[in-house]
Amino acid sequence: MIRNVVFDLMGVLILFDSASYRDSFQLNLFDMPALIRMLRSKEWRSCDLGEHDGIREILAELADKYKASERVVHALNAPSDLLYKRIDTMADYLLSLKERGYHIYLLSNVSAQVIRELSFMDIFSAADGAMYSFEAKALKPDQKIYEDFLQRYALKAEECLFIDDSKRNIIAADSLGFHTIQHKKASETIRQAEDLLK
């Protein structure tokens, strides 16, 4: 019986809207290659692993390495609530599950800076618990983060439904006995979740 619903954050409950981001900070085609390299860099990953508080801590070094324009530096210096938006359909579904008596958890690859700056969102106060990569010192799909999560909250994997947009993360959770849904479209994810929760 599923008692707990575990949500990934980025891509499921929170969206990085690249088009709005580009327009808001007036980034152009010449800015984007450096920005993309930075977003995919080992340094960015190191923030999610908790080696740094967040990207602003190492932004000067990163901008120099990847030859980022002043516009890109300005954009990455912006508070996280200007970069990320709540995905209303999925966030509202989380709140509805909470009202129905399910325990709600968050399990995400993310830096301390981002969590601190997005913590005003209602999804965080609704959660019964959370584990983030920066505190676990491990990134999904590393099994360590799932095992640490289960241990922290004394949960059984077979009583948890895990929703994530990454296939690799879903496969890792499957291997530990979680019920899983790979999120692609909100309406389909909700339909699949309701089928599993019956």
N, C-alpha and C. Protein backbone atom coordinates (compact mmCIF):
# COMPACT_ATOMS: atom_id res chain seq x y z
N MET A 1 0.84 -1.19 0.00
CA MET A 1 0.00 0.00 0.00
C MET A 1 0.88 1.25 0.00
N ILE A 2 0.58 2.17 -0.88
CA ILE A 2 1.35 3.41 -0.96
C ILE A 2 0.86 4.40 0.09
N ARG A 3 1.77 4.83 0.95
CA ARG A 3 1.44 5.81 1.98
C ARG A 3 2.14 7.15 1.76
N ASN A 4 3.22 7.10 0.96
CA ASN A 4 4.09 8.26 0.79
C ASN A 4 4.28 8.58 -0.69
N VAL A 5 4.22 9.86 -1.02
CA VAL A 5 4.47 10.28 -2.40
C VAL A 5 5.69 11.20 -2.38
N VAL A 6 6.69 10.80 -3.16
CA VAL A 6 7.99 11.46 -3.17
C VAL A 6 8.16 12.16 -4.51
N PHE A 7 8.38 13.47 -4.47
CA PHE A 7 8.48 14.27 -5.69
C PHE A 7 9.90 14.76 -5.90
N ASP A 8 10.36 14.68 -7.14
CA ASP A 8 11.52 15.44 -7.57
C ASP A 8 11.07 16.90 -7.67
N LEU A 9 12.00 17.83 -7.62
CA LEU A 9 11.66 19.24 -7.74
C LEU A 9 11.73 19.74 -9.19
N MET A 10 12.96 19.80 -9.71
CA MET A 10 13.19 20.44 -11.00
C MET A 10 12.62 19.61 -12.14
N GLY A 11 11.74 20.23 -12.91
CA GLY A 11 11.11 19.54 -14.02
C GLY A 11 9.79 18.88 -13.65
N VAL A 12 9.52 18.76 -12.35
CA VAL A 12 8.27 18.16 -11.89
C VAL A 12 7.41 19.20 -11.17
N LEU A 13 7.97 19.85 -10.16
CA LEU A 13 7.25 20.87 -9.39
C LEU A 13 7.71 22.29 -9.71
N ILE A 14 8.94 22.40 -10.19
CA ILE A 14 9.55 23.70 -10.46
C ILE A 14 10.17 23.69 -11.85
N LEU A 15 9.96 24.77 -12.58
CA LEU A 15 10.41 24.86 -13.97
C LEU A 15 11.47 25.93 -14.12
N PHE A 16 12.56 25.57 -14.81
CA PHE A 16 13.52 26.57 -15.27
C PHE A 16 13.06 26.95 -16.68
N ASP A 17 12.46 28.11 -16.81
CA ASP A 17 11.88 28.56 -18.09
C ASP A 17 12.95 29.32 -18.87
N SER A 18 13.64 28.60 -19.75
CA SER A 18 14.80 29.19 -20.43
C SER A 18 14.42 30.36 -21.34
N ALA A 19 13.25 30.30 -21.95
CA ALA A 19 12.83 31.38 -22.85
C ALA A 19 12.57 32.67 -22.07
N SER A 20 11.83 32.55 -20.96
CA SER A 20 11.56 33.72 -20.13
C SER A 20 12.85 34.26 -19.51
N TYR A 21 13.70 33.32 -19.11
CA TYR A 21 14.99 33.68 -18.53
C TYR A 21 15.82 34.48 -19.53
N ARG A 22 15.89 33.98 -20.76
CA ARG A 22 16.64 34.66 -21.81
C ARG A 22 16.10 36.06 -22.06
N ASP A 23 14.77 36.15 -22.13
CA ASP A 23 14.15 37.45 -22.42
C ASP A 23 14.29 38.42 -21.25
N SER A 24 14.13 37.93 -20.04
CA SER A 24 14.19 38.79 -18.85
C SER A 24 15.55 39.47 -18.70
N PHE A 25 16.60 38.73 -19.07
CA PHE A 25 17.95 39.27 -18.89
C PHE A 25 18.59 39.69 -20.22
N GLN A 26 17.75 39.73 -21.27
CA GLN A 26 18.19 40.20 -22.60
C GLN A 26 19.43 39.45 -23.08
N LEU A 27 19.41 38.14 -22.90
CA LEU A 27 20.50 37.32 -23.40
C LEU A 27 20.33 37.11 -24.90
N ASN A 28 21.43 37.05 -25.61
CA ASN A 28 21.35 36.85 -27.06
C ASN A 28 22.00 35.53 -27.46
N LEU A 29 22.01 35.25 -28.75
CA LEU A 29 22.55 33.98 -29.24
C LEU A 29 24.02 33.80 -28.89
N PHE A 30 24.74 34.88 -28.76
CA PHE A 30 26.15 34.79 -28.42
C PHE A 30 26.37 34.47 -26.95
N ASP A 31 25.38 34.77 -26.11
CA ASP A 31 25.47 34.49 -24.68
C ASP A 31 25.19 33.02 -24.36
N MET A 32 24.32 32.41 -25.15
CA MET A 32 23.77 31.12 -24.78
C MET A 32 24.80 29.97 -24.72
N PRO A 33 25.77 29.88 -25.64
CA PRO A 33 26.73 28.76 -25.53
C PRO A 33 27.47 28.74 -24.20
N ALA A 34 27.94 29.89 -23.75
CA ALA A 34 28.65 29.95 -22.47
C ALA A 34 27.72 29.57 -21.32
N LEU A 35 26.48 30.07 -21.36
CA LEU A 35 25.52 29.75 -20.31
C LEU A 35 25.25 28.26 -20.26
N ILE A 36 25.05 27.65 -21.41
CA ILE A 36 24.76 26.21 -21.46
C ILE A 36 25.94 25.40 -20.93
N ARG A 37 27.16 25.79 -21.31
CA ARG A 37 28.35 25.08 -20.81
C ARG A 37 28.44 25.21 -19.29
N MET A 38 28.09 26.37 -18.77
CA MET A 38 28.12 26.56 -17.31
C MET A 38 27.08 25.69 -16.62
N LEU A 39 25.88 25.64 -17.18
CA LEU A 39 24.81 24.85 -16.58
C LEU A 39 25.14 23.36 -16.56
N ARG A 40 25.95 22.92 -17.52
CA ARG A 40 26.31 21.50 -17.63
C ARG A 40 27.68 21.18 -17.03
N SER A 41 28.29 22.15 -16.40
CA SER A 41 29.67 22.01 -15.95
C SER A 41 29.80 21.19 -14.67
N LYS A 42 31.02 20.70 -14.44
CA LYS A 42 31.30 19.98 -13.20
C LYS A 42 31.20 20.93 -12.00
N GLU A 43 31.45 22.22 -12.24
CA GLU A 43 31.35 23.20 -11.16
C GLU A 43 29.90 23.36 -10.71
N TRP A 44 28.98 23.38 -11.67
CA TRP A 44 27.55 23.46 -11.33
C TRP A 44 27.16 22.22 -10.53
N ARG A 45 27.64 21.08 -10.99
CA ARG A 45 27.36 19.81 -10.31
C ARG A 45 27.91 19.85 -8.88
N SER A 46 29.07 20.49 -8.71
CA SER A 46 29.67 20.55 -7.38
C SER A 46 28.80 21.32 -6.39
N CYS A 47 28.02 22.27 -6.89
CA CYS A 47 27.08 23.00 -6.02
C CYS A 47 25.96 22.07 -5.56
N ASP A 48 25.45 21.26 -6.50
CA ASP A 48 24.41 20.30 -6.14
C ASP A 48 24.93 19.23 -5.18
N LEU A 49 26.24 18.99 -5.21
CA LEU A 49 26.84 18.01 -4.31
C LEU A 49 27.20 18.61 -2.95
N GLY A 50 26.96 19.92 -2.80
CA GLY A 50 27.21 20.56 -1.52
C GLY A 50 28.65 20.99 -1.31
N GLU A 51 29.45 20.97 -2.37
CA GLU A 51 30.84 21.42 -2.25
C GLU A 51 30.90 22.95 -2.20
N HIS A 52 29.86 23.59 -2.67
CA HIS A 52 29.70 25.05 -2.61
C HIS A 52 28.25 25.34 -2.25
N ASP A 53 27.99 26.49 -1.65
CA ASP A 53 26.64 26.86 -1.27
C ASP A 53 25.72 26.99 -2.48
N GLY A 54 26.27 27.55 -3.54
CA GLY A 54 25.48 27.77 -4.76
C GLY A 54 26.35 28.41 -5.81
N ILE A 55 25.77 28.63 -6.96
CA ILE A 55 26.55 29.10 -8.09
C ILE A 55 27.16 30.47 -7.88
N ARG A 56 26.50 31.33 -7.11
CA ARG A 56 27.05 32.67 -6.92
C ARG A 56 28.40 32.65 -6.19
N GLU A 57 28.59 31.63 -5.37
CA GLU A 57 29.83 31.51 -4.62
C GLU A 57 31.05 31.34 -5.53
N ILE A 58 30.84 30.73 -6.69
CA ILE A 58 31.96 30.46 -7.60
C ILE A 58 31.75 31.10 -8.98
N LEU A 59 30.84 32.07 -9.03
CA LEU A 59 30.45 32.62 -10.32
C LEU A 59 31.59 33.35 -11.04
N ALA A 60 32.40 34.10 -10.33
CA ALA A 60 33.49 34.83 -10.98
C ALA A 60 34.46 33.87 -11.65
N GLU A 61 34.83 32.83 -10.93
CA GLU A 61 35.74 31.81 -11.47
C GLU A 61 35.11 31.10 -12.67
N LEU A 62 33.84 30.78 -12.54
CA LEU A 62 33.12 30.06 -13.60
C LEU A 62 32.97 30.93 -14.85
N ALA A 63 32.64 32.19 -14.66
CA ALA A 63 32.46 33.11 -15.79
C ALA A 63 33.76 33.29 -16.55
N ASP A 64 34.85 33.36 -15.83
CA ASP A 64 36.16 33.51 -16.47
C ASP A 64 36.50 32.25 -17.27
N LYS A 65 36.28 31.10 -16.69
CA LYS A 65 36.61 29.84 -17.35
C LYS A 65 35.81 29.64 -18.63
N TYR A 66 34.52 29.99 -18.59
CA TYR A 66 33.64 29.74 -19.73
C TYR A 66 33.39 30.98 -20.58
N LYS A 67 34.16 32.05 -20.32
CA LYS A 67 34.10 33.28 -21.13
C LYS A 67 32.67 33.82 -21.22
N ALA A 68 32.02 33.90 -20.09
CA ALA A 68 30.63 34.37 -20.05
C ALA A 68 30.57 35.90 -20.11
N SER A 69 29.56 36.41 -20.79
CA SER A 69 29.37 37.85 -20.89
C SER A 69 28.87 38.43 -19.57
N GLU A 70 28.91 39.74 -19.45
CA GLU A 70 28.38 40.40 -18.25
C GLU A 70 26.89 40.14 -18.10
N ARG A 71 26.20 39.99 -19.23
CA ARG A 71 24.75 39.71 -19.17
C ARG A 71 24.50 38.34 -18.52
N VAL A 72 25.31 37.36 -18.87
CA VAL A 72 25.16 36.01 -18.28
C VAL A 72 25.47 36.06 -16.79
N VAL A 73 26.54 36.76 -16.43
CA VAL A 73 26.91 36.89 -15.02
C VAL A 73 25.79 37.56 -14.24
N HIS A 74 25.23 38.61 -14.80
CA HIS A 74 24.11 39.31 -14.15
C HIS A 74 22.93 38.37 -13.97
N ALA A 75 22.63 37.59 -15.00
CA ALA A 75 21.49 36.66 -14.94
C ALA A 75 21.70 35.61 -13.86
N LEU A 76 22.89 35.05 -13.78
CA LEU A 76 23.16 34.00 -12.80
C LEU A 76 23.29 34.54 -11.38
N ASN A 77 23.46 35.85 -11.26
CA ASN A 77 23.49 36.49 -9.94
C ASN A 77 22.08 36.74 -9.41
N ALA A 78 21.07 36.59 -10.25
CA ALA A 78 19.70 36.90 -9.85
C ALA A 78 19.20 35.89 -8.81
N PRO A 79 18.32 36.32 -7.92
CA PRO A 79 17.73 35.39 -6.96
C PRO A 79 17.01 34.24 -7.66
N SER A 80 17.02 33.08 -7.03
CA SER A 80 16.45 31.88 -7.65
C SER A 80 14.98 32.03 -8.01
N ASP A 81 14.23 32.86 -7.26
CA ASP A 81 12.80 32.99 -7.57
C ASP A 81 12.57 33.74 -8.88
N LEU A 82 13.61 34.37 -9.44
CA LEU A 82 13.49 34.98 -10.76
C LEU A 82 13.84 34.00 -11.87
N LEU A 83 14.49 32.91 -11.50
CA LEU A 83 14.95 31.93 -12.49
C LEU A 83 14.02 30.74 -12.59
N TYR A 84 13.35 30.41 -11.50
CA TYR A 84 12.52 29.21 -11.45
C TYR A 84 11.07 29.57 -11.13
N LYS A 85 10.15 28.81 -11.73
CA LYS A 85 8.72 29.05 -11.54
C LYS A 85 8.03 27.77 -11.04
N ARG A 86 7.01 27.96 -10.24
CA ARG A 86 6.17 26.86 -9.75
C ARG A 86 5.39 26.26 -10.92
N ILE A 87 5.37 24.94 -11.03
CA ILE A 87 4.53 24.26 -12.02
C ILE A 87 3.19 24.01 -11.33
N ASP A 88 2.23 24.86 -11.62
CA ASP A 88 1.01 24.91 -10.82
C ASP A 88 0.24 23.60 -10.79
N THR A 89 0.09 22.93 -11.93
CA THR A 89 -0.72 21.70 -11.97
C THR A 89 -0.15 20.64 -11.04
N MET A 90 1.16 20.44 -11.11
CA MET A 90 1.78 19.41 -10.27
C MET A 90 1.88 19.85 -8.81
N ALA A 91 2.19 21.13 -8.58
CA ALA A 91 2.27 21.61 -7.21
C ALA A 91 0.91 21.54 -6.52
N ASP A 92 -0.13 21.89 -7.25
CA ASP A 92 -1.48 21.80 -6.68
C ASP A 92 -1.88 20.34 -6.42
N TYR A 93 -1.41 19.44 -7.28
CA TYR A 93 -1.69 18.01 -7.06
C TYR A 93 -1.00 17.54 -5.78
N LEU A 94 0.25 17.97 -5.57
CA LEU A 94 0.95 17.65 -4.32
C LEU A 94 0.12 18.09 -3.12
N LEU A 95 -0.37 19.32 -3.16
CA LEU A 95 -1.16 19.84 -2.04
C LEU A 95 -2.44 19.03 -1.84
N SER A 96 -3.04 18.58 -2.93
CA SER A 96 -4.27 17.78 -2.82
C SER A 96 -3.98 16.42 -2.19
N LEU A 97 -2.84 15.83 -2.52
CA LEU A 97 -2.46 14.55 -1.92
C LEU A 97 -2.25 14.71 -0.42
N LYS A 98 -1.65 15.80 -0.04
CA LYS A 98 -1.44 16.09 1.38
C LYS A 98 -2.78 16.17 2.11
N GLU A 99 -3.73 16.84 1.51
CA GLU A 99 -5.07 16.98 2.11
C GLU A 99 -5.76 15.62 2.23
N ARG A 100 -5.43 14.71 1.34
CA ARG A 100 -6.04 13.37 1.35
C ARG A 100 -5.36 12.42 2.33
N GLY A 101 -4.33 12.90 3.00
CA GLY A 101 -3.71 12.10 4.04
C GLY A 101 -2.42 11.39 3.66
N TYR A 102 -1.93 11.60 2.45
CA TYR A 102 -0.65 11.00 2.07
C TYR A 102 0.49 11.81 2.66
N HIS A 103 1.58 11.13 2.99
CA HIS A 103 2.78 11.81 3.43
C HIS A 103 3.54 12.26 2.18
N ILE A 104 4.01 13.49 2.20
CA ILE A 104 4.65 14.10 1.04
C ILE A 104 6.13 14.35 1.34
N TYR A 105 6.98 13.94 0.39
CA TYR A 105 8.42 14.13 0.54
C TYR A 105 9.00 14.70 -0.75
N LEU A 106 10.15 15.36 -0.60
CA LEU A 106 10.88 15.91 -1.73
C LEU A 106 12.25 15.25 -1.78
N LEU A 107 12.69 14.89 -3.00
CA LEU A 107 13.99 14.24 -3.18
C LEU A 107 14.59 14.79 -4.47
N SER A 108 15.62 15.65 -4.33
CA SER A 108 16.05 16.41 -5.50
C SER A 108 17.55 16.68 -5.53
N ASN A 109 18.10 16.74 -6.75
CA ASN A 109 19.46 17.22 -6.97
C ASN A 109 19.41 18.74 -7.05
N VAL A 110 19.96 19.41 -6.05
CA VAL A 110 19.80 20.87 -5.97
C VAL A 110 20.80 21.44 -4.97
N SER A 111 21.14 22.70 -5.14
CA SER A 111 22.08 23.34 -4.22
C SER A 111 21.36 23.96 -3.03
N ALA A 112 22.14 24.24 -1.98
CA ALA A 112 21.58 24.89 -0.79
C ALA A 112 21.03 26.27 -1.13
N GLN A 113 21.73 27.00 -1.99
CA GLN A 113 21.30 28.34 -2.38
C GLN A 113 19.90 28.33 -2.99
N VAL A 114 19.66 27.41 -3.90
CA VAL A 114 18.36 27.36 -4.57
C VAL A 114 17.25 27.03 -3.57
N ILE A 115 17.49 26.04 -2.71
CA ILE A 115 16.46 25.68 -1.73
C ILE A 115 16.17 26.84 -0.80
N ARG A 116 17.19 27.51 -0.34
CA ARG A 116 17.00 28.65 0.57
C ARG A 116 16.15 29.74 -0.09
N GLU A 117 16.40 29.99 -1.37
CA GLU A 117 15.72 31.10 -2.05
C GLU A 117 14.34 30.73 -2.59
N LEU A 118 14.03 29.44 -2.63
CA LEU A 118 12.69 29.02 -3.09
C LEU A 118 11.82 28.52 -1.94
N SER A 119 12.34 28.56 -0.73
CA SER A 119 11.65 27.94 0.41
C SER A 119 10.32 28.60 0.76
N PHE A 120 10.04 29.78 0.19
CA PHE A 120 8.76 30.44 0.43
C PHE A 120 7.61 29.72 -0.28
N MET A 121 7.91 28.86 -1.26
CA MET A 121 6.86 28.18 -2.02
C MET A 121 6.10 27.21 -1.12
N ASP A 122 4.81 27.08 -1.36
CA ASP A 122 3.96 26.26 -0.51
C ASP A 122 4.31 24.77 -0.54
N ILE A 123 4.93 24.31 -1.61
CA ILE A 123 5.27 22.89 -1.69
C ILE A 123 6.26 22.50 -0.59
N PHE A 124 7.09 23.43 -0.15
CA PHE A 124 8.08 23.12 0.87
C PHE A 124 7.43 23.00 2.25
N SER A 125 6.52 23.89 2.57
CA SER A 125 5.86 23.82 3.87
C SER A 125 4.89 22.63 3.94
N ALA A 126 4.42 22.18 2.78
CA ALA A 126 3.50 21.03 2.76
C ALA A 126 4.22 19.71 2.95
N ALA A 127 5.51 19.68 2.65
CA ALA A 127 6.26 18.42 2.70
C ALA A 127 6.49 17.95 4.14
N ASP A 128 6.38 16.65 4.32
CA ASP A 128 6.67 16.04 5.62
C ASP A 128 8.17 15.84 5.82
N GLY A 129 8.91 15.93 4.74
CA GLY A 129 10.36 15.78 4.82
C GLY A 129 10.97 15.96 3.46
N ALA A 130 12.28 16.09 3.43
CA ALA A 130 13.00 16.27 2.17
C ALA A 130 14.43 15.81 2.31
N MET A 131 14.98 15.37 1.19
CA MET A 131 16.42 15.13 1.13
C MET A 131 16.93 15.72 -0.17
N TYR A 132 17.98 16.52 -0.05
CA TYR A 132 18.56 17.19 -1.20
C TYR A 132 19.99 16.72 -1.39
N SER A 133 20.42 16.73 -2.63
CA SER A 133 21.75 16.22 -2.96
C SER A 133 22.86 16.96 -2.22
N PHE A 134 22.68 18.26 -2.00
CA PHE A 134 23.75 19.02 -1.35
C PHE A 134 24.01 18.54 0.07
N GLU A 135 22.97 18.01 0.74
CA GLU A 135 23.17 17.53 2.11
C GLU A 135 23.55 16.05 2.12
N ALA A 136 23.09 15.29 1.13
CA ALA A 136 23.43 13.87 1.05
C ALA A 136 24.82 13.64 0.48
N LYS A 137 25.37 14.69 -0.18
CA LYS A 137 26.67 14.57 -0.87
C LYS A 137 26.62 13.47 -1.93
N ALA A 138 25.46 13.34 -2.54
CA ALA A 138 25.26 12.35 -3.60
C ALA A 138 24.14 12.85 -4.51
N LEU A 139 24.27 12.52 -5.79
CA LEU A 139 23.28 12.92 -6.79
C LEU A 139 22.49 11.71 -7.26
N LYS A 140 21.19 11.88 -7.42
CA LYS A 140 20.44 10.85 -8.14
C LYS A 140 21.08 10.71 -9.52
N PRO A 141 21.24 9.52 -10.05
CA PRO A 141 20.67 8.24 -9.62
C PRO A 141 21.54 7.39 -8.69
N ASP A 142 22.51 7.98 -8.02
CA ASP A 142 23.31 7.23 -7.04
C ASP A 142 22.37 6.66 -5.97
N GLN A 143 22.45 5.36 -5.75
CA GLN A 143 21.54 4.72 -4.80
C GLN A 143 21.69 5.26 -3.39
N LYS A 144 22.84 5.83 -3.08
CA LYS A 144 23.08 6.34 -1.73
C LYS A 144 22.02 7.36 -1.32
N ILE A 145 21.64 8.24 -2.22
CA ILE A 145 20.69 9.29 -1.84
C ILE A 145 19.31 8.71 -1.54
N TYR A 146 18.92 7.67 -2.29
CA TYR A 146 17.64 7.01 -2.02
C TYR A 146 17.69 6.25 -0.69
N GLU A 147 18.78 5.56 -0.47
CA GLU A 147 18.91 4.78 0.77
C GLU A 147 18.97 5.69 1.99
N ASP A 148 19.70 6.81 1.87
CA ASP A 148 19.77 7.77 2.98
C ASP A 148 18.40 8.38 3.25
N PHE A 149 17.66 8.64 2.18
CA PHE A 149 16.31 9.19 2.32
C PHE A 149 15.40 8.22 3.09
N LEU A 150 15.39 6.97 2.67
CA LEU A 150 14.55 5.97 3.34
C LEU A 150 14.94 5.82 4.80
N GLN A 151 16.24 5.82 5.07
CA GLN A 151 16.71 5.66 6.44
C GLN A 151 16.34 6.87 7.29
N ARG A 152 16.51 8.07 6.73
CA ARG A 152 16.23 9.29 7.50
C ARG A 152 14.80 9.31 8.02
N TYR A 153 13.85 8.87 7.18
CA TYR A 153 12.44 8.95 7.56
C TYR A 153 11.83 7.60 7.92
N ALA A 154 12.67 6.58 8.04
CA ALA A 154 12.22 5.23 8.41
C ALA A 154 11.07 4.77 7.51
N LEU A 155 11.28 4.91 6.21
CA LEU A 155 10.27 4.55 5.23
C LEU A 155 10.63 3.23 4.54
N LYS A 156 9.60 2.55 4.05
CA LYS A 156 9.79 1.36 3.22
C LYS A 156 9.59 1.76 1.76
N ALA A 157 10.51 1.36 0.90
CA ALA A 157 10.44 1.74 -0.52
C ALA A 157 9.11 1.31 -1.14
N GLU A 158 8.63 0.14 -0.76
CA GLU A 158 7.40 -0.38 -1.37
C GLU A 158 6.15 0.41 -0.95
N GLU A 159 6.29 1.28 0.03
CA GLU A 159 5.18 2.14 0.44
C GLU A 159 5.31 3.55 -0.12
N CYS A 160 6.29 3.73 -1.02
CA CYS A 160 6.55 5.06 -1.60
C CYS A 160 6.31 5.07 -3.10
N LEU A 161 5.64 6.13 -3.56
CA LEU A 161 5.53 6.42 -4.98
C LEU A 161 6.50 7.56 -5.28
N PHE A 162 7.41 7.34 -6.22
CA PHE A 162 8.43 8.34 -6.57
C PHE A 162 8.14 8.88 -7.97
N ILE A 163 8.09 10.20 -8.09
CA ILE A 163 7.80 10.88 -9.36
C ILE A 163 8.99 11.74 -9.74
N ASP A 164 9.57 11.46 -10.90
CA ASP A 164 10.77 12.17 -11.37
C ASP A 164 10.71 12.23 -12.89
N ASP A 165 11.29 13.27 -13.47
CA ASP A 165 11.27 13.39 -14.94
C ASP A 165 12.46 12.69 -15.60
N SER A 166 13.42 12.20 -14.82
CA SER A 166 14.60 11.54 -15.38
C SER A 166 14.43 10.03 -15.38
N LYS A 167 14.62 9.43 -16.55
CA LYS A 167 14.50 7.98 -16.66
C LYS A 167 15.55 7.28 -15.80
N ARG A 168 16.77 7.81 -15.78
CA ARG A 168 17.84 7.20 -14.98
C ARG A 168 17.49 7.20 -13.49
N ASN A 169 16.89 8.28 -13.04
CA ASN A 169 16.51 8.37 -11.63
C ASN A 169 15.39 7.40 -11.30
N ILE A 170 14.48 7.23 -12.25
CA ILE A 170 13.37 6.28 -12.07
C ILE A 170 13.89 4.85 -12.01
N ILE A 171 14.82 4.50 -12.90
CA ILE A 171 15.38 3.15 -12.91
C ILE A 171 16.06 2.84 -11.58
N ALA A 172 16.80 3.81 -11.05
CA ALA A 172 17.47 3.61 -9.76
C ALA A 172 16.47 3.38 -8.63
N ALA A 173 15.40 4.16 -8.62
CA ALA A 173 14.37 4.00 -7.59
C ALA A 173 13.65 2.66 -7.74
N ASP A 174 13.36 2.28 -8.97
CA ASP A 174 12.74 0.98 -9.25
C ASP A 174 13.55 -0.16 -8.64
N SER A 175 14.87 -0.07 -8.81
CA SER A 175 15.75 -1.15 -8.36
C SER A 175 15.71 -1.32 -6.84
N LEU A 176 15.29 -0.27 -6.13
CA LEU A 176 15.20 -0.34 -4.67
C LEU A 176 13.80 -0.68 -4.18
N GLY A 177 12.86 -0.81 -5.11
CA GLY A 177 11.52 -1.23 -4.73
C GLY A 177 10.47 -0.14 -4.66
N PHE A 178 10.82 1.09 -5.03
CA PHE A 178 9.84 2.17 -5.09
C PHE A 178 8.83 1.89 -6.21
N HIS A 179 7.61 2.34 -6.03
CA HIS A 179 6.68 2.51 -7.15
C HIS A 179 7.13 3.79 -7.86
N THR A 180 7.09 3.83 -9.17
CA THR A 180 7.65 4.99 -9.86
C THR A 180 6.78 5.45 -11.03
N ILE A 181 6.90 6.73 -11.32
CA ILE A 181 6.30 7.33 -12.52
C ILE A 181 7.33 8.29 -13.11
N GLN A 182 7.64 8.11 -14.38
CA GLN A 182 8.49 9.09 -15.07
C GLN A 182 7.59 10.21 -15.57
N HIS A 183 7.78 11.37 -15.02
CA HIS A 183 6.93 12.53 -15.35
C HIS A 183 7.30 13.10 -16.71
N LYS A 184 6.27 13.23 -17.56
CA LYS A 184 6.45 13.89 -18.85
C LYS A 184 5.39 14.98 -19.03
N LYS A 185 4.16 14.63 -18.75
CA LYS A 185 3.03 15.55 -18.90
C LYS A 185 2.17 15.46 -17.65
N ALA A 186 1.78 16.59 -17.10
CA ALA A 186 1.08 16.61 -15.81
C ALA A 186 -0.18 15.73 -15.81
N SER A 187 -0.99 15.86 -16.83
CA SER A 187 -2.25 15.10 -16.84
C SER A 187 -2.00 13.60 -16.83
N GLU A 188 -0.97 13.15 -17.54
CA GLU A 188 -0.66 11.73 -17.59
C GLU A 188 -0.04 11.26 -16.28
N THR A 189 0.81 12.06 -15.70
CA THR A 189 1.41 11.71 -14.40
C THR A 189 0.33 11.57 -13.33
N ILE A 190 -0.60 12.51 -13.31
CA ILE A 190 -1.68 12.47 -12.31
C ILE A 190 -2.56 11.25 -12.53
N ARG A 191 -2.85 10.94 -13.80
CA ARG A 191 -3.67 9.75 -14.09
C ARG A 191 -2.97 8.48 -13.60
N GLN A 192 -1.67 8.37 -13.90
CA GLN A 192 -0.91 7.18 -13.47
C GLN A 192 -0.85 7.11 -11.95
N ALA A 193 -0.64 8.24 -11.31
CA ALA A 193 -0.58 8.26 -9.85
C ALA A 193 -1.90 7.81 -9.24
N GLU A 194 -2.99 8.30 -9.76
CA GLU A 194 -4.30 7.93 -9.23
C GLU A 194 -4.56 6.44 -9.40
N ASP A 195 -4.12 5.87 -10.52
CA ASP A 195 -4.26 4.41 -10.73
C ASP A 195 -3.49 3.63 -9.68
N LEU A 196 -2.28 4.10 -9.36
CA LEU A 196 -1.45 3.39 -8.38
C LEU A 196 -1.96 3.58 -6.95
N LEU A 197 -2.61 4.70 -6.69
CA LEU A 197 -3.07 5.00 -5.34
C LEU A 197 -4.43 4.39 -5.00
N LYS A 198 -5.08 3.79 -5.98
CA LYS A 198 -6.41 3.19 -5.72
C LYS A 198 -6.29 2.04 -4.72
